[in-house]
Amino acid sequence: MIDAGDDTRISILRVDEPGDSLVRLAQYQLQSISPLEEKLAQYPRGTAFTLHLEVLDSRITATPVSEISTFADSHGIVVKQAP
């Protein structure tokens, strides 16, 4: 559990209707982008995260990726998409 707290990987595993998505950040499993943003806001400015899309279609993930990037930029957090 302690090691998971240092994990800076964001994984989007499923994107369905709002409130019916599956997003992971460290040890947290979240049901939408809003709770993810709440968790990201708890990290200090300059923290860097890696975004993993877990084999999802880019047409489906375009909106959530844009939302996460906009939020991160406005809070001084770095989110880079994994290759």
PDB file of N, CA and C in Angstrom:
ATOM      1  N   MET A   1       0.830  -1.187   0.000  1.00  0.00           N
ATOM      2  CA  MET A   1       0.000   0.000   0.000  1.00  0.00           C
ATOM      3  C   MET A   1       0.877   1.254   0.000  1.00  0.00           C
ATOM      4  N   ILE A   2       1.994   1.221   0.741  1.00  0.00           N
ATOM      5  CA  ILE A   2       2.889   2.380   0.782  1.00  0.00           C
ATOM      6  C   ILE A   2       3.491   2.622  -0.594  1.00  0.00           C
ATOM      7  N   ASP A   3       3.923   1.561  -1.273  1.00  0.00           N
ATOM      8  CA  ASP A   3       4.474   1.709  -2.620  1.00  0.00           C
ATOM      9  C   ASP A   3       3.438   2.282  -3.581  1.00  0.00           C
ATOM     10  N   ALA A   4       2.184   1.899  -3.435  1.00  0.00           N
ATOM     11  CA  ALA A   4       1.128   2.399  -4.322  1.00  0.00           C
ATOM     12  C   ALA A   4       0.946   3.899  -4.161  1.00  0.00           C
ATOM     13  N   GLY A   5       1.219   4.432  -2.979  1.00  0.00           N
ATOM     14  CA  GLY A   5       1.090   5.870  -2.751  1.00  0.00           C
ATOM     15  C   GLY A   5       2.068   6.679  -3.569  1.00  0.00           C
ATOM     16  N   ASP A   6       3.187   6.092  -3.955  1.00  0.00           N
ATOM     17  CA  ASP A   6       4.191   6.780  -4.772  1.00  0.00           C
ATOM     18  C   ASP A   6       3.950   6.568  -6.267  1.00  0.00           C
ATOM     19  N   ASP A   7       2.967   5.769  -6.608  1.00  0.00           N
ATOM     20  CA  ASP A   7       2.666   5.475  -8.006  1.00  0.00           C
ATOM     21  C   ASP A   7       2.033   6.698  -8.654  1.00  0.00           C
ATOM     22  N   THR A   8       2.587   7.146  -9.748  1.00  0.00           N
ATOM     23  CA  THR A   8       2.057   8.318 -10.444  1.00  0.00           C
ATOM     24  C   THR A   8       1.477   7.922 -11.801  1.00  0.00           C
ATOM     25  N   ARG A   9       0.968   6.736 -11.883  1.00  0.00           N
ATOM     26  CA  ARG A   9       0.342   6.251 -13.119  1.00  0.00           C
ATOM     27  C   ARG A   9      -1.161   6.491 -13.021  1.00  0.00           C
ATOM     28  N   ILE A  10      -1.706   7.077 -14.069  1.00  0.00           N
ATOM     29  CA  ILE A  10      -3.155   7.203 -14.211  1.00  0.00           C
ATOM     30  C   ILE A  10      -3.541   6.216 -15.309  1.00  0.00           C
ATOM     31  N   SER A  11      -4.448   5.314 -15.011  1.00  0.00           N
ATOM     32  CA  SER A  11      -4.905   4.339 -15.993  1.00  0.00           C
ATOM     33  C   SER A  11      -6.390   4.532 -16.240  1.00  0.00           C
ATOM     34  N   ILE A  12      -6.745   4.746 -17.494  1.00  0.00           N
ATOM     35  CA  ILE A  12      -8.154   4.788 -17.865  1.00  0.00           C
ATOM     36  C   ILE A  12      -8.464   3.418 -18.452  1.00  0.00           C
ATOM     37  N   LEU A  13      -9.255   2.653 -17.716  1.00  0.00           N
ATOM     38  CA  LEU A  13      -9.541   1.277 -18.098  1.00  0.00           C
ATOM     39  C   LEU A  13     -10.855   1.146 -18.868  1.00  0.00           C
ATOM     40  N   ARG A  14     -11.785   2.054 -18.571  1.00  0.00           N
ATOM     41  CA  ARG A  14     -13.082   1.993 -19.236  1.00  0.00           C
ATOM     42  C   ARG A  14     -13.685   3.393 -19.220  1.00  0.00           C
ATOM     43  N   VAL A  15     -14.285   3.769 -20.331  1.00  0.00           N
ATOM     44  CA  VAL A  15     -14.987   5.048 -20.433  1.00  0.00           C
ATOM     45  C   VAL A  15     -16.366   4.753 -20.993  1.00  0.00           C
ATOM     46  N   ASP A  16     -17.367   4.905 -20.136  1.00  0.00           N
ATOM     47  CA  ASP A  16     -18.744   4.700 -20.568  1.00  0.00           C
ATOM     48  C   ASP A  16     -19.513   5.982 -20.283  1.00  0.00           C
ATOM     49  N   GLU A  17     -20.702   5.839 -19.833  1.00  0.00           N
ATOM     50  CA  GLU A  17     -21.501   6.999 -19.468  1.00  0.00           C
ATOM     51  C   GLU A  17     -20.815   7.713 -18.298  1.00  0.00           C
ATOM     52  N   PRO A  18     -21.060   9.026 -18.149  1.00  0.00           N
ATOM     53  CA  PRO A  18     -20.497   9.720 -16.982  1.00  0.00           C
ATOM     54  C   PRO A  18     -20.889   8.989 -15.698  1.00  0.00           C
ATOM     55  N   GLY A  19     -19.920   8.786 -14.854  1.00  0.00           N
ATOM     56  CA  GLY A  19     -20.157   8.067 -13.610  1.00  0.00           C
ATOM     57  C   GLY A  19     -20.040   6.562 -13.757  1.00  0.00           C
ATOM     58  N   ASP A  20     -19.799   6.078 -14.959  1.00  0.00           N
ATOM     59  CA  ASP A  20     -19.657   4.638 -15.173  1.00  0.00           C
ATOM     60  C   ASP A  20     -18.362   4.339 -15.922  1.00  0.00           C
ATOM     61  N   SER A  21     -17.319   5.008 -15.506  1.00  0.00           N
ATOM     62  CA  SER A  21     -15.997   4.780 -16.072  1.00  0.00           C
ATOM     63  C   SER A  21     -15.155   4.095 -15.013  1.00  0.00           C
ATOM     64  N   LEU A  22     -13.987   3.674 -15.403  1.00  0.00           N
ATOM     65  CA  LEU A  22     -13.063   3.092 -14.437  1.00  0.00           C
ATOM     66  C   LEU A  22     -11.696   3.711 -14.664  1.00  0.00           C
ATOM     67  N   VAL A  23     -11.253   4.448 -13.651  1.00  0.00           N
ATOM     68  CA  VAL A  23      -9.984   5.160 -13.704  1.00  0.00           C
ATOM     69  C   VAL A  23      -9.209   4.790 -12.444  1.00  0.00           C
ATOM     70  N   ARG A  24      -7.916   4.548 -12.599  1.00  0.00           N
ATOM     71  CA  ARG A  24      -7.066   4.251 -11.434  1.00  0.00           C
ATOM     72  C   ARG A  24      -5.982   5.306 -11.315  1.00  0.00           C
ATOM     73  N   LEU A  25      -5.735   5.705 -10.089  1.00  0.00           N
ATOM     74  CA  LEU A  25      -4.603   6.565  -9.744  1.00  0.00           C
ATOM     75  C   LEU A  25      -4.002   5.974  -8.489  1.00  0.00           C
ATOM     76  N   ALA A  26      -2.767   5.485  -8.615  1.00  0.00           N
ATOM     77  CA  ALA A  26      -2.098   4.812  -7.495  1.00  0.00           C
ATOM     78  C   ALA A  26      -3.029   3.714  -6.967  1.00  0.00           C
ATOM     79  N   GLN A  27      -3.377   3.755  -5.679  1.00  0.00           N
ATOM     80  CA  GLN A  27      -4.223   2.710  -5.093  1.00  0.00           C
ATOM     81  C   GLN A  27      -5.706   3.030  -5.193  1.00  0.00           C
ATOM     82  N   TYR A  28      -6.059   4.144  -5.818  1.00  0.00           N
ATOM     83  CA  TYR A  28      -7.446   4.574  -5.902  1.00  0.00           C
ATOM     84  C   TYR A  28      -8.110   4.076  -7.175  1.00  0.00           C
ATOM     85  N   GLN A  29      -9.314   3.573  -7.037  1.00  0.00           N
ATOM     86  CA  GLN A  29     -10.123   3.160  -8.177  1.00  0.00           C
ATOM     87  C   GLN A  29     -11.313   4.115  -8.218  1.00  0.00           C
ATOM     88  N   LEU A  30     -11.435   4.880  -9.293  1.00  0.00           N
ATOM     89  CA  LEU A  30     -12.408   5.957  -9.377  1.00  0.00           C
ATOM     90  C   LEU A  30     -13.412   5.695 -10.485  1.00  0.00           C
ATOM     91  N   GLN A  31     -14.628   6.195 -10.319  1.00  0.00           N
ATOM     92  CA  GLN A  31     -15.711   5.903 -11.253  1.00  0.00           C
ATOM     93  C   GLN A  31     -15.917   6.957 -12.333  1.00  0.00           C
ATOM     94  N   SER A  32     -15.162   8.057 -12.256  1.00  0.00           N
ATOM     95  CA  SER A  32     -15.278   9.075 -13.300  1.00  0.00           C
ATOM     96  C   SER A  32     -14.089  10.029 -13.225  1.00  0.00           C
ATOM     97  N   ILE A  33     -14.058  10.992 -14.124  1.00  0.00           N
ATOM     98  CA  ILE A  33     -12.957  11.955 -14.177  1.00  0.00           C
ATOM     99  C   ILE A  33     -13.015  12.927 -13.003  1.00  0.00           C
ATOM    100  N   SER A  34     -14.205  13.283 -12.521  1.00  0.00           N
ATOM    101  CA  SER A  34     -14.321  14.239 -11.404  1.00  0.00           C
ATOM    102  C   SER A  34     -13.578  13.784 -10.151  1.00  0.00           C
ATOM    103  N   PRO A  35     -13.779  12.544  -9.679  1.00  0.00           N
ATOM    104  CA  PRO A  35     -13.003  12.109  -8.518  1.00  0.00           C
ATOM    105  C   PRO A  35     -11.496  12.061  -8.793  1.00  0.00           C
ATOM    106  N   LEU A  36     -11.127  11.755 -10.047  1.00  0.00           N
ATOM    107  CA  LEU A  36      -9.705  11.780 -10.408  1.00  0.00           C
ATOM    108  C   LEU A  36      -9.153  13.185 -10.228  1.00  0.00           C
ATOM    109  N   GLU A  37      -9.880  14.178 -10.704  1.00  0.00           N
ATOM    110  CA  GLU A  37      -9.435  15.563 -10.557  1.00  0.00           C
ATOM    111  C   GLU A  37      -9.319  15.958  -9.082  1.00  0.00           C
ATOM    112  N   GLU A  38     -10.241  15.493  -8.255  1.00  0.00           N
ATOM    113  CA  GLU A  38     -10.174  15.775  -6.816  1.00  0.00           C
ATOM    114  C   GLU A  38      -8.895  15.194  -6.221  1.00  0.00           C
ATOM    115  N   LYS A  39      -8.550  13.975  -6.613  1.00  0.00           N
ATOM    116  CA  LYS A  39      -7.317  13.344  -6.111  1.00  0.00           C
ATOM    117  C   LYS A  39      -6.085  14.067  -6.642  1.00  0.00           C
ATOM    118  N   LEU A  40      -6.088  14.405  -7.929  1.00  0.00           N
ATOM    119  CA  LEU A  40      -4.933  15.104  -8.499  1.00  0.00           C
ATOM    120  C   LEU A  40      -4.691  16.441  -7.796  1.00  0.00           C
ATOM    121  N   ALA A  41      -5.762  17.104  -7.393  1.00  0.00           N
ATOM    122  CA  ALA A  41      -5.637  18.402  -6.720  1.00  0.00           C
ATOM    123  C   ALA A  41      -4.922  18.284  -5.374  1.00  0.00           C
ATOM    124  N   GLN A  42      -4.837  17.089  -4.837  1.00  0.00           N
ATOM    125  CA  GLN A  42      -4.163  16.869  -3.555  1.00  0.00           C
ATOM    126  C   GLN A  42      -2.643  16.771  -3.698  1.00  0.00           C
ATOM    127  N   TYR A  43      -2.174  16.627  -4.923  1.00  0.00           N
ATOM    128  CA  TYR A  43      -0.734  16.515  -5.164  1.00  0.00           C
ATOM    129  C   TYR A  43      -0.127  17.906  -5.340  1.00  0.00           C
ATOM    130  N   PRO A  44       1.134  18.068  -4.952  1.00  0.00           N
ATOM    131  CA  PRO A  44       1.776  19.384  -5.100  1.00  0.00           C
ATOM    132  C   PRO A  44       2.029  19.742  -6.562  1.00  0.00           C
ATOM    133  N   ARG A  45       2.063  21.040  -6.811  1.00  0.00           N
ATOM    134  CA  ARG A  45       2.402  21.542  -8.151  1.00  0.00           C
ATOM    135  C   ARG A  45       3.717  20.919  -8.593  1.00  0.00           C
ATOM    136  N   GLY A  46       3.808  20.619  -9.876  1.00  0.00           N
ATOM    137  CA  GLY A  46       5.030  20.036 -10.418  1.00  0.00           C
ATOM    138  C   GLY A  46       5.066  18.518 -10.401  1.00  0.00           C
ATOM    139  N   THR A  47       4.104  17.881  -9.731  1.00  0.00           N
ATOM    140  CA  THR A  47       4.066  16.426  -9.733  1.00  0.00           C
ATOM    141  C   THR A  47       3.796  15.949 -11.158  1.00  0.00           C
ATOM    142  N   ALA A  48       4.508  14.899 -11.580  1.00  0.00           N
ATOM    143  CA  ALA A  48       4.368  14.368 -12.939  1.00  0.00           C
ATOM    144  C   ALA A  48       3.674  13.012 -12.903  1.00  0.00           C
ATOM    145  N   PHE A  49       2.719  12.840 -13.785  1.00  0.00           N
ATOM    146  CA  PHE A  49       1.960  11.602 -13.909  1.00  0.00           C
ATOM    147  C   PHE A  49       2.093  11.069 -15.329  1.00  0.00           C
ATOM    148  N   THR A  50       1.914   9.768 -15.467  1.00  0.00           N
ATOM    149  CA  THR A  50       1.891   9.129 -16.774  1.00  0.00           C
ATOM    150  C   THR A  50       0.500   8.570 -16.998  1.00  0.00           C
ATOM    151  N   LEU A  51      -0.097   8.924 -18.122  1.00  0.00           N
ATOM    152  CA  LEU A  51      -1.452   8.504 -18.453  1.00  0.00           C
ATOM    153  C   LEU A  51      -1.402   7.289 -19.372  1.00  0.00           C
ATOM    154  N   HIS A  52      -2.027   6.207 -18.933  1.00  0.00           N
ATOM    155  CA  HIS A  52      -2.103   4.958 -19.696  1.00  0.00           C
ATOM    156  C   HIS A  52      -3.557   4.748 -20.110  1.00  0.00           C
ATOM    157  N   LEU A  53      -3.776   4.467 -21.388  1.00  0.00           N
ATOM    158  CA  LEU A  53      -5.135   4.330 -21.893  1.00  0.00           C
ATOM    159  C   LEU A  53      -5.607   2.887 -22.017  1.00  0.00           C
ATOM    160  N   GLU A  54      -4.801   1.948 -21.643  1.00  0.00           N
ATOM    161  CA  GLU A  54      -5.179   0.533 -21.553  1.00  0.00           C
ATOM    162  C   GLU A  54      -5.997   0.039 -22.749  1.00  0.00           C
ATOM    163  N   VAL A  55      -5.475   0.207 -23.933  1.00  0.00           N
ATOM    164  CA  VAL A  55      -6.016  -0.336 -25.173  1.00  0.00           C
ATOM    165  C   VAL A  55      -7.421   0.189 -25.483  1.00  0.00           C
ATOM    166  N   LEU A  56      -7.677   1.421 -25.187  1.00  0.00           N
ATOM    167  CA  LEU A  56      -8.967   2.013 -25.523  1.00  0.00           C
ATOM    168  C   LEU A  56      -8.862   2.772 -26.836  1.00  0.00           C
ATOM    169  N   ASP A  57      -9.947   2.851 -27.535  1.00  0.00           N
ATOM    170  CA  ASP A  57     -10.033   3.581 -28.797  1.00  0.00           C
ATOM    171  C   ASP A  57      -9.818   5.071 -28.542  1.00  0.00           C
ATOM    172  N   SER A  58      -8.944   5.701 -29.292  1.00  0.00           N
ATOM    173  CA  SER A  58      -8.616   7.108 -29.076  1.00  0.00           C
ATOM    174  C   SER A  58      -9.822   8.022 -29.287  1.00  0.00           C
ATOM    175  N   ARG A  59     -10.803   7.602 -30.078  1.00  0.00           N
ATOM    176  CA  ARG A  59     -12.017   8.405 -30.256  1.00  0.00           C
ATOM    177  C   ARG A  59     -12.829   8.453 -28.972  1.00  0.00           C
ATOM    178  N   ILE A  60     -12.783   7.395 -28.202  1.00  0.00           N
ATOM    179  CA  ILE A  60     -13.520   7.325 -26.939  1.00  0.00           C
ATOM    180  C   ILE A  60     -12.798   8.107 -25.854  1.00  0.00           C
ATOM    181  N   THR A  61     -11.479   8.069 -25.867  1.00  0.00           N
ATOM    182  CA  THR A  61     -10.711   8.690 -24.786  1.00  0.00           C
ATOM    183  C   THR A  61     -10.342  10.143 -25.042  1.00  0.00           C
ATOM    184  N   ALA A  62     -10.626  10.667 -26.219  1.00  0.00           N
ATOM    185  CA  ALA A  62     -10.225  12.043 -26.539  1.00  0.00           C
ATOM    186  C   ALA A  62     -10.771  13.052 -25.535  1.00  0.00           C
ATOM    187  N   THR A  63     -12.041  12.958 -25.195  1.00  0.00           N
ATOM    188  CA  THR A  63     -12.638  13.919 -24.262  1.00  0.00           C
ATOM    189  C   THR A  63     -12.052  13.790 -22.864  1.00  0.00           C
ATOM    190  N   PRO A  64     -11.995  12.587 -22.257  1.00  0.00           N
ATOM    191  CA  PRO A  64     -11.410  12.504 -20.921  1.00  0.00           C
ATOM    192  C   PRO A  64      -9.940  12.926 -20.881  1.00  0.00           C
ATOM    193  N   VAL A  65      -9.184  12.588 -21.922  1.00  0.00           N
ATOM    194  CA  VAL A  65      -7.772  12.981 -21.963  1.00  0.00           C
ATOM    195  C   VAL A  65      -7.668  14.500 -22.010  1.00  0.00           C
ATOM    196  N   SER A  66      -8.511  15.130 -22.785  1.00  0.00           N
ATOM    197  CA  SER A  66      -8.527  16.592 -22.860  1.00  0.00           C
ATOM    198  C   SER A  66      -8.897  17.208 -21.512  1.00  0.00           C
ATOM    199  N   GLU A  67      -9.898  16.645 -20.841  1.00  0.00           N
ATOM    200  CA  GLU A  67     -10.315  17.143 -19.527  1.00  0.00           C
ATOM    201  C   GLU A  67      -9.183  17.021 -18.508  1.00  0.00           C
ATOM    202  N   ILE A  68      -8.531  15.880 -18.498  1.00  0.00           N
ATOM    203  CA  ILE A  68      -7.431  15.656 -17.552  1.00  0.00           C
ATOM    204  C   ILE A  68      -6.282  16.615 -17.840  1.00  0.00           C
ATOM    205  N   SER A  69      -5.942  16.795 -19.105  1.00  0.00           N
ATOM    206  CA  SER A  69      -4.844  17.694 -19.479  1.00  0.00           C
ATOM    207  C   SER A  69      -5.146  19.138 -19.093  1.00  0.00           C
ATOM    208  N   THR A  70      -6.363  19.588 -19.352  1.00  0.00           N
ATOM    209  CA  THR A  70      -6.759  20.951 -19.003  1.00  0.00           C
ATOM    210  C   THR A  70      -6.698  21.156 -17.502  1.00  0.00           C
ATOM    211  N   PHE A  71      -7.223  20.194 -16.751  1.00  0.00           N
ATOM    212  CA  PHE A  71      -7.187  20.279 -15.290  1.00  0.00           C
ATOM    213  C   PHE A  71      -5.750  20.317 -14.796  1.00  0.00           C
ATOM    214  N   ALA A  72      -4.925  19.415 -15.294  1.00  0.00           N
ATOM    215  CA  ALA A  72      -3.525  19.339 -14.869  1.00  0.00           C
ATOM    216  C   ALA A  72      -2.801  20.654 -15.146  1.00  0.00           C
ATOM    217  N   ASP A  73      -2.970  21.194 -16.345  1.00  0.00           N
ATOM    218  CA  ASP A  73      -2.321  22.464 -16.699  1.00  0.00           C
ATOM    219  C   ASP A  73      -2.726  23.580 -15.749  1.00  0.00           C
ATOM    220  N   SER A  74      -3.998  23.634 -15.401  1.00  0.00           N
ATOM    221  CA  SER A  74      -4.477  24.718 -14.539  1.00  0.00           C
ATOM    222  C   SER A  74      -4.031  24.560 -13.086  1.00  0.00           C
ATOM    223  N   HIS A  75      -3.572  23.360 -12.715  1.00  0.00           N
ATOM    224  CA  HIS A  75      -3.124  23.114 -11.338  1.00  0.00           C
ATOM    225  C   HIS A  75      -1.613  22.888 -11.231  1.00  0.00           C
ATOM    226  N   GLY A  76      -0.898  23.129 -12.316  1.00  0.00           N
ATOM    227  CA  GLY A  76       0.562  22.994 -12.271  1.00  0.00           C
ATOM    228  C   GLY A  76       1.035  21.573 -12.170  1.00  0.00           C
ATOM    229  N   ILE A  77       0.239  20.633 -12.650  1.00  0.00           N
ATOM    230  CA  ILE A  77       0.571  19.225 -12.627  1.00  0.00           C
ATOM    231  C   ILE A  77       0.916  18.792 -14.055  1.00  0.00           C
ATOM    232  N   VAL A  78       1.851  17.884 -14.192  1.00  0.00           N
ATOM    233  CA  VAL A  78       2.262  17.408 -15.513  1.00  0.00           C
ATOM    234  C   VAL A  78       1.644  16.027 -15.738  1.00  0.00           C
ATOM    235  N   VAL A  79       0.935  15.886 -16.863  1.00  0.00           N
ATOM    236  CA  VAL A  79       0.382  14.583 -17.245  1.00  0.00           C
ATOM    237  C   VAL A  79       0.829  14.313 -18.669  1.00  0.00           C
ATOM    238  N   LYS A  80       1.621  13.256 -18.832  1.00  0.00           N
ATOM    239  CA  LYS A  80       2.104  12.864 -20.160  1.00  0.00           C
ATOM    240  C   LYS A  80       1.512  11.516 -20.498  1.00  0.00           C
ATOM    241  N   GLN A  81       1.089  11.371 -21.735  1.00  0.00           N
ATOM    242  CA  GLN A  81       0.525  10.115 -22.180  1.00  0.00           C
ATOM    243  C   GLN A  81       1.628   9.112 -22.442  1.00  0.00           C
ATOM    244  N   ALA A  82       1.443   7.891 -21.964  1.00  0.00           N
ATOM    245  CA  ALA A  82       2.408   6.815 -22.193  1.00  0.00           C
ATOM    246  C   ALA A  82       2.422   6.458 -23.670  1.00  0.00           C
ATOM    247  N   PRO A  83       3.601   6.098 -24.180  1.00  0.00           N
ATOM    248  CA  PRO A  83       3.692   5.722 -25.610  1.00  0.00           C
ATOM    249  C   PRO A  83       2.930   4.443 -25.908  1.00  0.00           C
TER     250      PRO A  83
END
